[in-house]
Protein backbone atom coordinates (compact mmCIF):
# COMPACT_ATOMS: atom_id res chain seq x y z
CA MET A 1 72.31 116.21 -66.64
CA LYS A 2 68.67 117.30 -66.34
CA ARG A 3 67.89 118.08 -62.70
CA VAL A 4 69.84 120.53 -60.54
CA ILE A 5 69.71 121.17 -56.80
CA GLY A 6 71.35 124.26 -55.33
CA ILE A 7 72.65 125.07 -51.88
CA GLY A 8 73.34 128.54 -50.56
CA ASN A 9 72.47 131.37 -48.24
CA ALA A 10 68.70 131.92 -48.18
CA LEU A 11 68.57 135.72 -48.05
CA THR A 12 66.19 138.57 -48.69
CA ASP A 13 67.78 141.43 -50.62
CA MET A 14 67.39 145.11 -49.82
CA LEU A 15 68.54 146.93 -52.98
CA VAL A 16 69.54 150.55 -52.39
CA ASN A 17 70.22 152.97 -55.25
CA LEU A 18 73.06 155.27 -54.16
CA ALA A 19 73.38 158.88 -55.30
CA ASN A 20 77.18 158.61 -54.83
CA ASP A 21 79.77 156.28 -53.27
CA GLU A 22 80.34 158.24 -50.06
CA VAL A 23 78.87 155.50 -47.86
CA LEU A 24 81.33 152.99 -49.37
CA GLU A 25 84.22 155.25 -48.41
CA GLN A 26 82.74 155.98 -44.98
CA TYR A 27 82.55 152.30 -44.08
CA GLN A 28 85.65 151.27 -46.06
CA LEU A 29 83.69 148.93 -48.32
CA ALA A 30 85.57 147.89 -51.46
CA LYS A 31 83.34 148.64 -54.42
CA GLY A 32 82.02 145.40 -55.92
CA SER A 33 82.88 143.33 -52.84
CA MET A 34 80.81 141.27 -50.42
CA SER A 35 81.29 141.85 -46.69
CA LEU A 36 79.85 139.71 -43.91
CA VAL A 37 78.80 141.97 -41.03
CA ASP A 38 76.87 141.68 -37.79
CA SER A 39 73.29 142.86 -37.48
CA GLN A 40 74.33 146.09 -35.72
CA LEU A 41 76.70 147.24 -38.48
CA GLN A 42 74.22 146.30 -41.20
CA THR A 43 71.55 148.35 -39.43
CA GLU A 44 73.98 151.28 -39.11
CA ILE A 45 74.77 151.18 -42.83
CA SER A 46 71.05 150.90 -43.64
CA LYS A 47 70.41 154.04 -41.59
CA ALA A 48 73.23 155.82 -43.41
CA VAL A 49 71.46 155.30 -46.74
CA ALA A 50 67.97 156.08 -45.43
CA GLY A 51 66.18 158.26 -47.94
CA CYS A 52 67.74 156.54 -50.95
CA PRO A 53 65.32 154.61 -53.20
CA TYR A 54 65.21 150.91 -52.33
CA SER A 55 63.34 147.70 -53.06
CA LEU A 56 63.06 144.21 -51.55
CA SER A 57 63.37 140.86 -53.34
CA LEU A 58 64.42 137.27 -52.82
CA GLY A 59 68.19 136.99 -52.89
CA GLY A 60 71.14 134.74 -52.29
CA SER A 61 73.54 133.87 -55.09
CA ALA A 62 72.65 130.19 -55.58
CA GLY A 63 69.00 130.96 -54.89
CA ASN A 64 69.00 133.47 -57.75
CA THR A 65 70.53 130.92 -60.10
CA ILE A 66 68.19 128.09 -59.14
CA ARG A 67 65.09 130.27 -59.41
CA ALA A 68 66.13 131.49 -62.85
CA MET A 69 66.86 127.92 -63.98
CA ALA A 70 63.35 126.94 -62.90
CA ARG A 71 61.94 129.75 -65.03
CA LEU A 72 64.01 128.37 -67.92
CA GLY A 73 62.30 124.99 -67.61
CA ILE A 74 64.81 122.99 -65.57
CA GLU A 75 63.71 120.77 -62.67
CA THR A 76 65.32 122.32 -59.60
CA GLY A 77 65.53 122.17 -55.82
CA PHE A 78 67.14 124.42 -53.22
CA ILE A 79 68.69 123.80 -49.79
CA GLY A 80 68.89 126.65 -47.29
CA LYS A 81 68.01 127.82 -43.79
CA VAL A 82 65.72 130.69 -42.78
CA GLY A 83 64.21 132.00 -39.57
CA ASP A 84 60.93 130.82 -38.12
CA ASP A 85 59.42 134.14 -39.16
CA THR A 86 57.27 135.72 -41.84
CA THR A 87 60.34 136.42 -43.98
CA GLY A 88 61.19 132.72 -43.89
CA ASP A 89 57.60 131.80 -44.77
CA PHE A 90 57.74 134.22 -47.70
CA TYR A 91 61.03 132.80 -48.93
CA GLU A 92 59.86 129.17 -48.89
CA GLN A 93 56.52 129.90 -50.52
CA ALA A 94 58.15 132.00 -53.22
CA LEU A 95 60.29 129.00 -54.19
CA ARG A 96 57.22 126.80 -54.48
CA ASN A 97 55.41 129.43 -56.55
CA ILE A 98 58.00 129.23 -59.34
CA GLY A 99 58.40 125.45 -59.25
CA VAL A 100 61.54 125.08 -57.12
CA LYS A 101 61.33 122.21 -54.64
CA PRO A 102 62.35 123.73 -51.28
CA TYR A 103 64.49 121.88 -48.75
CA ILE A 104 64.30 124.66 -46.20
CA LEU A 105 65.36 124.28 -42.59
CA ARG A 106 64.23 126.67 -39.85
CA SER A 107 66.05 128.51 -37.08
CA GLU A 108 65.01 130.40 -33.98
CA HIS A 109 67.05 133.37 -35.22
CA ARG A 110 65.74 135.80 -37.82
CA SER A 111 66.12 135.24 -41.53
CA GLY A 112 69.23 136.64 -43.20
CA LYS A 113 69.37 139.84 -45.24
CA CYS A 114 71.72 141.30 -47.82
CA VAL A 115 71.93 145.07 -48.29
CA SER A 116 72.99 145.62 -51.91
CA LEU A 117 74.43 149.11 -52.39
CA VAL A 118 74.00 149.94 -56.08
CA SER A 119 76.32 152.66 -57.39
CA THR A 120 75.32 155.01 -60.19
CA ASP A 121 77.28 152.89 -62.71
CA GLY A 122 75.24 149.81 -61.74
CA GLU A 123 78.03 148.15 -59.74
CA ARG A 124 76.82 146.61 -56.48
CA THR A 125 78.55 146.28 -53.12
CA LEU A 126 77.04 143.71 -50.78
CA VAL A 127 76.74 144.04 -47.01
CA THR A 128 75.40 140.75 -45.69
CA HIS A 129 74.13 139.62 -42.31
CA LEU A 130 73.54 135.92 -42.73
CA GLY A 131 71.29 135.47 -39.71
CA ALA A 132 69.63 132.05 -39.86
CA ALA A 133 71.37 131.24 -43.13
CA ALA A 134 74.69 130.96 -41.26
CA GLU A 135 73.26 128.17 -39.12
CA LEU A 136 73.12 125.68 -41.98
CA HIS A 137 75.57 122.98 -40.86
CA ARG A 138 76.91 119.73 -42.26
CA ASN A 139 74.62 117.60 -40.09
CA ASP A 140 71.59 119.38 -41.57
CA ILE A 141 72.30 117.87 -44.99
CA ASP A 142 70.68 114.46 -45.39
CA PRO A 143 72.38 112.65 -48.32
CA ALA A 144 68.94 111.43 -49.45
CA VAL A 145 68.12 115.01 -50.48
CA PHE A 146 70.32 114.48 -53.54
CA ASP A 147 68.35 111.50 -54.83
CA GLY A 148 66.68 112.31 -58.13
CA TYR A 149 69.14 115.09 -59.03
CA ASP A 150 72.06 115.03 -61.46
CA CYS A 151 74.01 118.10 -60.38
CA LEU A 152 74.66 120.12 -57.22
CA TYR A 153 75.11 123.87 -57.77
CA VAL A 154 77.06 125.41 -54.88
CA GLU A 155 77.21 129.05 -53.86
CA GLY A 156 80.80 130.13 -53.40
CA TYR A 157 79.95 132.22 -50.34
CA LEU A 158 79.41 128.96 -48.43
CA VAL A 159 83.19 128.56 -48.41
CA GLN A 160 83.09 130.62 -45.21
CA ASP A 161 82.08 127.30 -43.59
CA HIS A 162 84.71 124.85 -44.83
CA ASP A 163 83.16 121.87 -43.09
CA LEU A 164 79.69 122.46 -44.56
CA ILE A 165 80.77 122.98 -48.15
CA GLU A 166 83.20 120.06 -48.29
CA SER A 167 80.87 117.66 -46.49
CA THR A 168 78.00 118.59 -48.81
CA MET A 169 80.13 118.01 -51.90
CA GLN A 170 81.26 114.65 -50.54
CA LYS A 171 77.68 113.54 -49.96
CA ALA A 172 76.56 114.69 -53.41
CA LYS A 173 79.49 112.97 -55.14
CA ALA A 174 78.73 109.76 -53.27
CA ARG A 175 75.22 109.89 -54.80
CA GLY A 176 76.69 110.30 -58.28
CA LEU A 177 76.06 114.03 -58.80
CA ARG A 178 78.27 116.40 -60.73
CA ILE A 179 79.34 119.55 -58.87
CA ALA A 180 79.18 123.14 -60.12
CA ILE A 181 80.39 126.14 -58.14
CA ASP A 182 80.43 129.92 -58.62
CA LEU A 183 83.38 131.56 -56.87
CA ALA A 184 81.16 134.37 -55.56
CA SER A 185 83.47 137.32 -54.72
CA PHE A 186 87.16 138.13 -55.16
CA ASN A 187 87.71 138.97 -51.49
CA VAL A 188 86.11 135.68 -50.40
CA VAL A 189 88.39 133.83 -52.85
CA GLU A 190 91.48 135.63 -51.54
CA GLU A 191 90.65 134.67 -47.96
CA ASN A 192 90.06 130.99 -48.81
CA ARG A 193 92.35 130.40 -51.80
CA ASP A 194 94.22 127.29 -50.62
CA PHE A 195 91.06 125.58 -49.40
CA LEU A 196 89.24 126.39 -52.65
CA HIS A 197 92.08 124.93 -54.69
CA ARG A 198 91.83 121.66 -52.80
CA LEU A 199 88.04 121.66 -53.04
CA VAL A 200 88.01 122.25 -56.80
CA HIS A 201 90.70 119.64 -57.43
CA SER A 202 88.80 117.05 -55.39
CA TYR A 203 85.14 117.58 -56.23
CA VAL A 204 84.27 120.29 -58.77
CA ASP A 205 83.30 119.57 -62.38
CA ILE A 206 82.07 123.04 -63.48
CA LEU A 207 83.45 126.36 -62.23
CA PHE A 208 82.21 129.91 -62.86
CA ALA A 209 84.31 132.97 -62.01
CA ASN A 210 84.45 136.59 -63.06
CA GLU A 211 87.73 138.22 -64.02
CA ASP A 212 88.62 139.40 -60.51
CA GLU A 213 87.70 136.07 -58.93
CA ALA A 214 89.70 134.13 -61.53
CA ARG A 215 92.72 136.36 -60.88
CA ALA A 216 92.42 135.87 -57.12
CA PHE A 217 91.96 132.11 -57.54
CA THR A 218 94.86 131.47 -59.92
CA GLY A 219 97.23 134.41 -59.46
CA GLU A 220 97.15 134.91 -63.24
CA GLN A 221 96.58 138.47 -64.42
CA GLU A 222 95.32 137.61 -67.91
CA PRO A 223 91.85 135.99 -68.09
CA LEU A 224 92.90 133.46 -70.75
CA ASN A 225 95.81 132.30 -68.60
CA ALA A 226 93.48 132.06 -65.61
CA LEU A 227 91.04 130.01 -67.70
CA GLN A 228 93.80 127.59 -68.67
CA GLU A 229 94.85 127.22 -65.04
CA ILE A 230 91.29 126.57 -63.85
CA SER A 231 90.71 124.04 -66.64
CA ARG A 232 93.53 121.94 -65.25
CA MET A 233 91.51 121.51 -62.06
CA CYS A 234 88.02 120.77 -63.42
CA GLU A 235 86.16 119.60 -66.51
CA LEU A 236 84.50 122.88 -67.55
CA ALA A 237 85.74 126.38 -66.75
CA VAL A 238 83.95 129.69 -67.37
CA VAL A 239 85.64 133.07 -66.85
CA LYS A 240 83.36 136.07 -67.32
CA ILE A 241 85.22 139.16 -68.56
CA GLY A 242 82.61 141.91 -68.21
CA VAL A 243 81.60 143.77 -71.37
CA ARG A 244 83.97 141.54 -73.37
CA GLY A 245 81.80 138.49 -72.64
CA ALA A 246 83.12 135.18 -71.34
CA LEU A 247 85.84 132.63 -71.98
CA ILE A 248 84.79 128.98 -71.80
CA LYS A 249 86.97 125.86 -71.86
CA ARG A 250 86.15 122.16 -71.82
CA GLY A 251 88.89 119.73 -72.75
CA ASP A 252 90.68 121.15 -75.80
CA GLU A 253 87.73 123.35 -76.80
CA VAL A 254 88.02 127.06 -75.99
CA VAL A 255 85.21 129.47 -76.86
CA HIS A 256 84.89 133.25 -76.52
CA VAL A 257 81.24 134.40 -76.33
CA GLY A 258 80.24 138.05 -76.36
CA ILE A 259 77.51 139.82 -74.39
CA MET A 260 73.96 140.84 -75.18
CA ALA A 261 73.87 144.61 -75.09
CA ALA A 262 71.43 145.70 -72.39
CA ALA A 263 68.90 148.40 -73.23
CA LYS A 264 70.04 150.11 -70.03
CA ARG A 265 72.52 149.13 -67.31
CA VAL A 266 70.58 149.75 -64.09
CA ASP A 267 71.93 147.27 -61.54
CA THR A 268 74.45 144.43 -61.89
CA THR A 269 72.96 142.56 -58.92
CA GLY A 270 72.44 138.95 -59.99
CA ALA A 271 74.17 139.29 -63.38
CA GLY A 272 76.63 136.51 -62.62
CA ASP A 273 73.90 134.38 -61.04
CA PHE A 274 71.66 134.71 -64.09
CA TYR A 275 74.57 134.04 -66.44
CA ALA A 276 75.17 130.76 -64.61
CA ALA A 277 71.44 129.98 -64.78
CA GLY A 278 71.27 130.46 -68.54
CA PHE A 279 74.49 128.55 -69.08
CA MET A 280 73.48 125.64 -66.85
CA ALA A 281 69.97 125.44 -68.34
CA ALA A 282 71.48 125.22 -71.83
CA LEU A 283 74.00 122.63 -70.63
CA CYS A 284 71.14 120.55 -69.21
CA ASN A 285 69.57 120.66 -72.67
CA GLY A 286 72.74 119.31 -74.28
CA LEU A 287 73.65 122.48 -76.19
CA SER A 288 77.12 123.48 -77.40
CA LEU A 289 79.45 125.65 -75.34
CA ARG A 290 78.77 128.64 -77.59
CA GLN A 291 75.02 128.13 -77.21
CA CYS A 292 75.40 127.79 -73.44
CA GLY A 293 77.43 130.99 -73.25
CA THR A 294 74.96 132.86 -75.45
CA ILE A 295 71.93 131.89 -73.35
CA GLY A 296 73.89 132.82 -70.24
CA ALA A 297 74.62 136.22 -71.77
CA ILE A 298 70.95 136.71 -72.67
CA ALA A 299 69.82 136.03 -69.08
CA ALA A 300 72.54 138.28 -67.62
CA GLY A 301 71.76 141.04 -70.12
CA LYS A 302 68.12 141.06 -69.08
CA VAL A 303 68.65 141.13 -65.31
CA ILE A 304 70.94 144.19 -65.36
CA GLU A 305 68.10 146.18 -66.95
CA VAL A 306 66.14 146.11 -63.68
CA VAL A 307 66.81 146.77 -60.00
CA GLY A 308 67.18 143.43 -58.26
CA THR A 309 66.58 140.02 -59.79
CA THR A 310 62.83 140.07 -60.37
CA PHE A 311 61.25 141.04 -63.65
CA GLY A 312 57.94 140.51 -65.41
CA GLU A 313 56.54 137.85 -67.71
CA GLU A 314 57.25 139.92 -70.81
CA ALA A 315 61.01 139.83 -70.11
CA TRP A 316 60.93 136.10 -69.41
CA GLN A 317 59.05 135.53 -72.66
CA GLU A 318 61.73 137.47 -74.53
CA ILE A 319 64.43 135.33 -72.92
CA HIS A 320 62.59 132.15 -73.97
CA THR A 321 62.14 133.45 -77.52
CA LEU A 322 65.83 134.33 -77.86
CA ALA A 323 66.84 130.98 -76.31
CA GLU A 324 64.80 129.14 -78.95
CA ARG A 325 66.65 131.08 -81.66
CA VAL A 326 69.95 130.09 -80.06
CA LYS A 327 68.93 126.42 -80.11
CA SER A 328 68.41 126.66 -83.87
CA ASP A 329 71.78 128.43 -84.27
CA LYS A 330 70.07 131.61 -85.52
CA TYR A 331 71.25 133.84 -82.66
CA LEU A 332 74.80 133.35 -81.41
CA PHE A 333 77.32 135.83 -80.00
């Protein structure tokens, strides 16, 4: 497995640093959740946090993972839909600039946006208006797009469109690709649990979930029990357990990998996406499960030190240096 193509919501992120959680309570937003809203409500919430510090960056869960994998040296592509606007132009060009091959469709509607409300403890609550991203449909996916790739990485948020996500997995499997999915958000899992079970049983080889998502998916309260349950459905299961690291299972092998302590916990936006990127990049390089988990932890540890998912060359160089130490078994958690 050397080449990975992702599919997900092509979004631009607006990252807002909150002084307190009053806006979450005002709009009944569960802390740490992702809510799909219309443009009007998203605008209203944006106005409610006007005056708070904010920044803009490329977003989307699978997009984050694929871009980070490209920076880690993996050949990648990305499928998504944006508006026929300057935001869409920016999104597509930004993919090209970092070596991701874009398979970007266009819509007459404006490009999608995610408002990421970052609490003082670094936890983020997502308020998403998909815009053009929601118009990606099963008939948009030409099976030939999968030629030349070994794995399809699927954003769990796409489960909102059952037809799209299942059809895409079917097409990729027919072309011989393995399937990886990140479960995205506990509330999305709760709303689509039965469908996700069938999807994972039928198509998925690699599954990523955090503790809340794993609990919602399996009904098991203990992460290790949830890991065991997930591993019965797919080849490789990863359950991230916050500051305690991650549990990983493939066949009879079970590994617990710790975290890389961040210099400062600023914003958890993209932490799970970057963990998956580091893990998948290591997997593509044929490394052990412990090495995969360690490189995933390194990438996640770096991204929570900044607001958003964009950081400078110095940080990327540090990630590459640490990854090389992991490959020689000199730096394992």
